[in-house]
Amino acid sequence: MAGLFISLDGVDGGGKTGAIAALSEILAAQGRAPLLTREPGGTEPGLALRKLLLAENSFDWTARAELLLMHAARAQHVERIIRPALAAGQVVLCDRYVAASLAFQGAGRGLPQGEILALHRIATGDLWPDLTVILDIDVRRGLARSRRRNAEAALDEGRFEALDLDFHERVRRSYLEQATAWPERYAVIDADRPQEAVQRDVQLRVQALLGR
């Protein structure tokens, strides 16, 4: 594919949204016109599933049902949005992707990694980002940020934030373990710093990739 696929991921409250917005401005100024998207979401059906999956008082999904719904949204997202953009030569910036499934439904919910990877192959044709940037932050501080953002924006997306700290610690460990297992396509950035420093490091890492 002619384009470049970059995902930003990590525990809740790491600053993905701001980092993607800042990175998008830099790339647009360079004439690259990036496509910004997110998971779950990215398409109309994906946004409908997002409401069902993230609303704090949504259904009591089992771990496997949650995983399947996430991948239903991802299958639609990849086929209708991500692959066409990459084929057209665009830079795609995605807020969460497969790393989130491995962390949240894998380590967090306890589902086997092999099962998640097999489902990913079916849903996406085994499409991986060229680079996954993990914004790493202490889970307590990240959750406080995320809950404050949801409250200020009146967003009903607190289903995962409502889970206990042990769940979020497992999620964080998974992200770091993924980065260790696949260093050629992951980068970890310390998000427990001022926003400007975090966004600068994200931009430097992506620019290095574009330079290659």
C-alpha atoms as a PDB file:
ATOM      1  CA  MET A   1       0.000   0.000   0.000  1.00  0.00           C
ATOM      2  CA  ALA A   2       1.160   3.505  -0.820  1.00  0.00           C
ATOM      3  CA  GLY A   3      -0.030   5.202   2.365  1.00  0.00           C
ATOM      4  CA  LEU A   4       1.161   5.121   5.962  1.00  0.00           C
ATOM      5  CA  PHE A   5      -0.882   3.724   8.856  1.00  0.00           C
ATOM      6  CA  ILE A   6      -0.194   5.067  12.359  1.00  0.00           C
ATOM      7  CA  SER A   7      -2.195   4.247  15.476  1.00  0.00           C
ATOM      8  CA  LEU A   8      -1.998   5.899  18.886  1.00  0.00           C
ATOM      9  CA  ASP A   9      -2.940   3.799  21.872  1.00  0.00           C
ATOM     10  CA  GLY A  10      -2.486   3.362  25.598  1.00  0.00           C
ATOM     11  CA  VAL A  11      -4.426   3.472  28.836  1.00  0.00           C
ATOM     12  CA  ASP A  12      -7.310   5.900  29.212  1.00  0.00           C
ATOM     13  CA  GLY A  13      -6.275   9.522  29.743  1.00  0.00           C
ATOM     14  CA  GLY A  14      -2.902   9.335  28.023  1.00  0.00           C
ATOM     15  CA  GLY A  15      -3.604  12.248  25.679  1.00  0.00           C
ATOM     16  CA  LYS A  16      -4.197  10.429  22.389  1.00  0.00           C
ATOM     17  CA  THR A  17      -6.797  12.880  21.107  1.00  0.00           C
ATOM     18  CA  GLY A  18      -4.596  15.931  21.616  1.00  0.00           C
ATOM     19  CA  ALA A  19      -1.537  14.197  20.202  1.00  0.00           C
ATOM     20  CA  ILE A  20      -3.420  13.149  17.068  1.00  0.00           C
ATOM     21  CA  ALA A  21      -4.781  16.663  16.561  1.00  0.00           C
ATOM     22  CA  ALA A  22      -1.330  18.237  16.941  1.00  0.00           C
ATOM     23  CA  LEU A  23       0.267  15.647  14.658  1.00  0.00           C
ATOM     24  CA  SER A  24      -2.447  16.188  12.073  1.00  0.00           C
ATOM     25  CA  GLU A  25      -1.702  19.921  11.954  1.00  0.00           C
ATOM     26  CA  ILE A  26       1.993  19.266  11.347  1.00  0.00           C
ATOM     27  CA  LEU A  27       1.314  16.743   8.585  1.00  0.00           C
ATOM     28  CA  ALA A  28      -1.280  18.968   6.924  1.00  0.00           C
ATOM     29  CA  ALA A  29       1.232  21.830   6.890  1.00  0.00           C
ATOM     30  CA  GLN A  30       3.608  19.490   5.060  1.00  0.00           C
ATOM     31  CA  GLY A  31       0.931  18.778   2.441  1.00  0.00           C
ATOM     32  CA  ARG A  32       0.172  15.235   3.612  1.00  0.00           C
ATOM     33  CA  ALA A  33      -3.565  15.724   4.446  1.00  0.00           C
ATOM     34  CA  PRO A  34      -3.888  12.902   6.998  1.00  0.00           C
ATOM     35  CA  LEU A  35      -7.090  10.970   7.615  1.00  0.00           C
ATOM     36  CA  LEU A  36      -8.112  11.068  11.290  1.00  0.00           C
ATOM     37  CA  THR A  37     -10.234   8.219  12.584  1.00  0.00           C
ATOM     38  CA  ARG A  38     -10.855   6.205  15.746  1.00  0.00           C
ATOM     39  CA  GLU A  39     -11.974   2.897  17.191  1.00  0.00           C
ATOM     40  CA  PRO A  40     -14.538   1.826  17.902  1.00  0.00           C
ATOM     41  CA  GLY A  41     -16.032   4.140  15.318  1.00  0.00           C
ATOM     42  CA  GLY A  42     -14.800   5.465  12.011  1.00  0.00           C
ATOM     43  CA  THR A  43     -18.012   4.496  10.192  1.00  0.00           C
ATOM     44  CA  GLU A  44     -21.702   4.986  10.938  1.00  0.00           C
ATOM     45  CA  PRO A  45     -22.143   1.336  12.057  1.00  0.00           C
ATOM     46  CA  GLY A  46     -18.927   1.640  14.081  1.00  0.00           C
ATOM     47  CA  LEU A  47     -20.245   4.710  15.880  1.00  0.00           C
ATOM     48  CA  ALA A  48     -23.464   2.864  16.707  1.00  0.00           C
ATOM     49  CA  LEU A  49     -21.415   0.024  18.194  1.00  0.00           C
ATOM     50  CA  ARG A  50     -19.275   2.559  20.054  1.00  0.00           C
ATOM     51  CA  LYS A  51     -22.325   3.758  21.961  1.00  0.00           C
ATOM     52  CA  LEU A  52     -23.249   0.189  22.879  1.00  0.00           C
ATOM     53  CA  LEU A  53     -19.707  -0.660  23.978  1.00  0.00           C
ATOM     54  CA  LEU A  54     -18.624   2.492  25.829  1.00  0.00           C
ATOM     55  CA  ALA A  55     -21.767   3.837  27.499  1.00  0.00           C
ATOM     56  CA  GLU A  56     -21.368   3.440  31.257  1.00  0.00           C
ATOM     57  CA  ASN A  57     -24.802   1.869  31.729  1.00  0.00           C
ATOM     58  CA  SER A  58     -24.768  -0.176  28.544  1.00  0.00           C
ATOM     59  CA  PHE A  59     -25.398  -3.905  28.359  1.00  0.00           C
ATOM     60  CA  ASP A  60     -23.413  -6.323  30.482  1.00  0.00           C
ATOM     61  CA  TRP A  61     -21.422  -7.754  27.592  1.00  0.00           C
ATOM     62  CA  THR A  62     -19.428 -10.924  28.151  1.00  0.00           C
ATOM     63  CA  ALA A  63     -15.730 -10.620  27.363  1.00  0.00           C
ATOM     64  CA  ARG A  64     -16.070 -12.607  24.135  1.00  0.00           C
ATOM     65  CA  ALA A  65     -19.161 -10.702  22.994  1.00  0.00           C
ATOM     66  CA  GLU A  66     -17.281  -7.447  23.625  1.00  0.00           C
ATOM     67  CA  LEU A  67     -14.342  -8.703  21.555  1.00  0.00           C
ATOM     68  CA  LEU A  68     -16.577  -9.751  18.658  1.00  0.00           C
ATOM     69  CA  LEU A  69     -18.384  -6.413  18.611  1.00  0.00           C
ATOM     70  CA  MET A  70     -15.084  -4.530  18.614  1.00  0.00           C
ATOM     71  CA  HIS A  71     -13.948  -6.593  15.629  1.00  0.00           C
ATOM     72  CA  ALA A  72     -17.240  -6.155  13.787  1.00  0.00           C
ATOM     73  CA  ALA A  73     -16.672  -2.392  14.018  1.00  0.00           C
ATOM     74  CA  ARG A  74     -13.036  -2.855  12.975  1.00  0.00           C
ATOM     75  CA  ALA A  75     -13.873  -5.027   9.953  1.00  0.00           C
ATOM     76  CA  GLN A  76     -16.212  -2.337   8.616  1.00  0.00           C
ATOM     77  CA  HIS A  77     -13.688   0.387   9.468  1.00  0.00           C
ATOM     78  CA  VAL A  78     -10.774  -1.266   7.698  1.00  0.00           C
ATOM     79  CA  GLU A  79     -12.685  -2.215   4.565  1.00  0.00           C
ATOM     80  CA  ARG A  80     -14.583   1.037   4.101  1.00  0.00           C
ATOM     81  CA  ILE A  81     -12.188   3.654   5.478  1.00  0.00           C
ATOM     82  CA  ILE A  82      -8.623   2.573   6.256  1.00  0.00           C
ATOM     83  CA  ARG A  83      -7.687   0.414   3.258  1.00  0.00           C
ATOM     84  CA  PRO A  84      -9.101   2.864   0.668  1.00  0.00           C
ATOM     85  CA  ALA A  85      -7.230   5.740   2.301  1.00  0.00           C
ATOM     86  CA  LEU A  86      -3.965   3.791   2.334  1.00  0.00           C
ATOM     87  CA  ALA A  87      -4.463   2.739  -1.288  1.00  0.00           C
ATOM     88  CA  ALA A  88      -4.884   6.427  -2.153  1.00  0.00           C
ATOM     89  CA  GLY A  89      -1.542   7.213  -0.500  1.00  0.00           C
ATOM     90  CA  GLN A  90      -2.878   8.943   2.606  1.00  0.00           C
ATOM     91  CA  VAL A  91      -1.421   8.962   6.093  1.00  0.00           C
ATOM     92  CA  VAL A  92      -4.022   7.398   8.395  1.00  0.00           C
ATOM     93  CA  LEU A  93      -3.982   8.444  12.070  1.00  0.00           C
ATOM     94  CA  CYS A  94      -6.141   6.111  14.141  1.00  0.00           C
ATOM     95  CA  ASP A  95      -7.102   6.554  17.806  1.00  0.00           C
ATOM     96  CA  ARG A  96      -6.807   2.906  19.006  1.00  0.00           C
ATOM     97  CA  TYR A  97      -6.571  -0.267  16.925  1.00  0.00           C
ATOM     98  CA  VAL A  98      -5.543  -3.888  17.492  1.00  0.00           C
ATOM     99  CA  ALA A  99      -3.197  -3.033  20.384  1.00  0.00           C
ATOM    100  CA  ALA A 100      -6.296  -2.002  22.348  1.00  0.00           C
ATOM    101  CA  SER A 101      -7.944  -5.394  21.790  1.00  0.00           C
ATOM    102  CA  LEU A 102      -4.851  -7.206  23.005  1.00  0.00           C
ATOM    103  CA  ALA A 103      -4.708  -4.940  26.060  1.00  0.00           C
ATOM    104  CA  PHE A 104      -8.362  -4.508  27.051  1.00  0.00           C
ATOM    105  CA  GLN A 105     -10.014  -7.740  25.927  1.00  0.00           C
ATOM    106  CA  GLY A 106      -6.823  -9.794  26.218  1.00  0.00           C
ATOM    107  CA  ALA A 107      -4.977  -8.792  29.377  1.00  0.00           C
ATOM    108  CA  GLY A 108      -7.891  -6.905  30.895  1.00  0.00           C
ATOM    109  CA  ARG A 109     -10.698  -9.396  30.249  1.00  0.00           C
ATOM    110  CA  GLY A 110      -8.509 -12.489  30.183  1.00  0.00           C
ATOM    111  CA  LEU A 111      -9.105 -13.693  26.621  1.00  0.00           C
ATOM    112  CA  PRO A 112      -6.249 -15.597  24.908  1.00  0.00           C
ATOM    113  CA  GLN A 113      -3.926 -13.534  22.723  1.00  0.00           C
ATOM    114  CA  GLY A 114      -3.965 -16.216  20.021  1.00  0.00           C
ATOM    115  CA  GLU A 115      -7.737 -15.966  19.771  1.00  0.00           C
ATOM    116  CA  ILE A 116      -7.573 -12.182  19.411  1.00  0.00           C
ATOM    117  CA  LEU A 117      -4.874 -12.341  16.732  1.00  0.00           C
ATOM    118  CA  ALA A 118      -6.816 -14.993  14.790  1.00  0.00           C
ATOM    119  CA  LEU A 119      -9.926 -12.816  14.861  1.00  0.00           C
ATOM    120  CA  HIS A 120      -7.852  -9.804  13.807  1.00  0.00           C
ATOM    121  CA  ARG A 121      -6.629 -11.722  10.756  1.00  0.00           C
ATOM    122  CA  ILE A 122     -10.210 -12.559   9.794  1.00  0.00           C
ATOM    123  CA  ALA A 123     -11.602  -9.070  10.419  1.00  0.00           C
ATOM    124  CA  THR A 124      -8.840  -7.025   8.775  1.00  0.00           C
ATOM    125  CA  GLY A 125      -6.856  -9.361   6.524  1.00  0.00           C
ATOM    126  CA  ASP A 126      -4.093  -9.047   9.146  1.00  0.00           C
ATOM    127  CA  LEU A 127      -3.642  -5.318   8.566  1.00  0.00           C
ATOM    128  CA  TRP A 128      -1.252  -3.822  11.145  1.00  0.00           C
ATOM    129  CA  PRO A 129      -0.190  -0.198  11.533  1.00  0.00           C
ATOM    130  CA  ASP A 130       3.249   0.761  10.278  1.00  0.00           C
ATOM    131  CA  LEU A 131       3.695   2.308  13.718  1.00  0.00           C
ATOM    132  CA  THR A 132       1.753   2.009  16.987  1.00  0.00           C
ATOM    133  CA  VAL A 133       2.584   4.796  19.437  1.00  0.00           C
ATOM    134  CA  ILE A 134       1.825   3.891  23.046  1.00  0.00           C
ATOM    135  CA  LEU A 135       1.238   6.889  25.317  1.00  0.00           C
ATOM    136  CA  ASP A 136       2.154   5.499  28.720  1.00  0.00           C
ATOM    137  CA  ILE A 137       0.883   7.052  31.953  1.00  0.00           C
ATOM    138  CA  ASP A 138       0.201   6.019  35.543  1.00  0.00           C
ATOM    139  CA  VAL A 139      -3.297   4.520  35.444  1.00  0.00           C
ATOM    140  CA  ARG A 140      -4.606   6.574  38.370  1.00  0.00           C
ATOM    141  CA  ARG A 141      -3.641   9.863  36.770  1.00  0.00           C
ATOM    142  CA  GLY A 142      -4.852   8.706  33.379  1.00  0.00           C
ATOM    143  CA  LEU A 143      -8.241   7.649  34.721  1.00  0.00           C
ATOM    144  CA  ALA A 144      -8.646  10.940  36.567  1.00  0.00           C
ATOM    145  CA  ARG A 145      -7.978  12.816  33.319  1.00  0.00           C
ATOM    146  CA  SER A 146     -10.349  10.606  31.330  1.00  0.00           C
ATOM    147  CA  ARG A 147     -13.188  10.881  33.826  1.00  0.00           C
ATOM    148  CA  ARG A 148     -12.770  14.657  33.973  1.00  0.00           C
ATOM    149  CA  ARG A 149     -12.859  14.883  30.175  1.00  0.00           C
ATOM    150  CA  ASN A 150     -16.030  12.784  29.997  1.00  0.00           C
ATOM    151  CA  ALA A 151     -17.702  14.925  32.646  1.00  0.00           C
ATOM    152  CA  GLU A 152     -16.715  18.228  31.037  1.00  0.00           C
ATOM    153  CA  ALA A 153     -17.895  17.097  27.602  1.00  0.00           C
ATOM    154  CA  ALA A 154     -20.986  15.292  28.952  1.00  0.00           C
ATOM    155  CA  LEU A 155     -19.808  12.109  27.225  1.00  0.00           C
ATOM    156  CA  ASP A 156     -21.421   8.825  28.221  1.00  0.00           C
ATOM    157  CA  GLU A 157     -18.310   6.750  27.471  1.00  0.00           C
ATOM    158  CA  GLY A 158     -17.212   5.697  30.941  1.00  0.00           C
ATOM    159  CA  ARG A 159     -17.840   1.959  30.849  1.00  0.00           C
ATOM    160  CA  PHE A 160     -14.159   1.001  30.919  1.00  0.00           C
ATOM    161  CA  GLU A 161     -13.164   3.862  33.243  1.00  0.00           C
ATOM    162  CA  ALA A 162     -15.602   2.404  35.791  1.00  0.00           C
ATOM    163  CA  LEU A 163     -13.597  -0.836  36.028  1.00  0.00           C
ATOM    164  CA  ASP A 164     -11.187  -1.398  38.916  1.00  0.00           C
ATOM    165  CA  LEU A 165      -7.537  -0.372  39.038  1.00  0.00           C
ATOM    166  CA  ASP A 166      -6.312  -3.963  38.689  1.00  0.00           C
ATOM    167  CA  PHE A 167      -8.008  -4.150  35.294  1.00  0.00           C
ATOM    168  CA  HIS A 168      -6.290  -0.964  34.112  1.00  0.00           C
ATOM    169  CA  GLU A 169      -2.915  -2.077  35.490  1.00  0.00           C
ATOM    170  CA  ARG A 170      -3.205  -5.274  33.442  1.00  0.00           C
ATOM    171  CA  VAL A 171      -4.052  -3.186  30.385  1.00  0.00           C
ATOM    172  CA  ARG A 172      -1.002  -0.980  30.914  1.00  0.00           C
ATOM    173  CA  ARG A 173       1.306  -3.978  31.342  1.00  0.00           C
ATOM    174  CA  SER A 174      -0.019  -5.474  28.128  1.00  0.00           C
ATOM    175  CA  TYR A 175       0.787  -2.339  26.148  1.00  0.00           C
ATOM    176  CA  LEU A 176       4.350  -2.334  27.437  1.00  0.00           C
ATOM    177  CA  GLU A 177       4.724  -6.065  26.765  1.00  0.00           C
ATOM    178  CA  GLN A 178       3.459  -5.607  23.212  1.00  0.00           C
ATOM    179  CA  ALA A 179       6.051  -2.906  22.630  1.00  0.00           C
ATOM    180  CA  THR A 180       8.763  -5.231  23.915  1.00  0.00           C
ATOM    181  CA  ALA A 181       7.549  -8.102  21.728  1.00  0.00           C
ATOM    182  CA  TRP A 182       7.244  -6.005  18.529  1.00  0.00           C
ATOM    183  CA  PRO A 183       9.813  -3.190  18.850  1.00  0.00           C
ATOM    184  CA  GLU A 184      10.024  -2.731  15.076  1.00  0.00           C
ATOM    185  CA  ARG A 185       6.442  -1.426  14.904  1.00  0.00           C
ATOM    186  CA  TYR A 186       5.793  -0.014  18.393  1.00  0.00           C
ATOM    187  CA  ALA A 187       7.084   3.087  20.195  1.00  0.00           C
ATOM    188  CA  VAL A 188       6.439   3.943  23.847  1.00  0.00           C
ATOM    189  CA  ILE A 189       6.281   7.588  24.870  1.00  0.00           C
ATOM    190  CA  ASP A 190       6.093   8.810  28.458  1.00  0.00           C
ATOM    191  CA  ALA A 191       2.754  10.646  28.653  1.00  0.00           C
ATOM    192  CA  ASP A 192       3.193  11.589  32.320  1.00  0.00           C
ATOM    193  CA  ARG A 193       4.680  14.957  31.257  1.00  0.00           C
ATOM    194  CA  PRO A 194       3.415  18.312  29.957  1.00  0.00           C
ATOM    195  CA  GLN A 195       1.245  17.973  26.868  1.00  0.00           C
ATOM    196  CA  GLU A 196       3.651  19.916  24.659  1.00  0.00           C
ATOM    197  CA  ALA A 197       6.552  17.567  25.439  1.00  0.00           C
ATOM    198  CA  VAL A 198       4.463  14.479  24.737  1.00  0.00           C
ATOM    199  CA  GLN A 199       3.142  15.832  21.457  1.00  0.00           C
ATOM    200  CA  ARG A 200       6.647  16.884  20.369  1.00  0.00           C
ATOM    201  CA  ASP A 201       7.977  13.349  20.952  1.00  0.00           C
ATOM    202  CA  VAL A 202       5.071  11.818  19.030  1.00  0.00           C
ATOM    203  CA  GLN A 203       5.780  14.135  16.124  1.00  0.00           C
ATOM    204  CA  LEU A 204       9.505  13.358  16.163  1.00  0.00           C
ATOM    205  CA  ARG A 205       8.828   9.611  16.120  1.00  0.00           C
ATOM    206  CA  VAL A 206       6.411   9.896  13.214  1.00  0.00           C
ATOM    207  CA  GLN A 207       8.681  12.237  11.272  1.00  0.00           C
ATOM    208  CA  ALA A 208      11.510   9.731  11.666  1.00  0.00           C
ATOM    209  CA  LEU A 209       9.264   7.065  10.132  1.00  0.00           C
ATOM    210  CA  LEU A 210       8.251   9.360   7.272  1.00  0.00           C
ATOM    211  CA  GLY A 211      11.908  10.135   6.662  1.00  0.00           C
ATOM    212  CA  ARG A 212      12.579   6.461   5.999  1.00  0.00           C
END
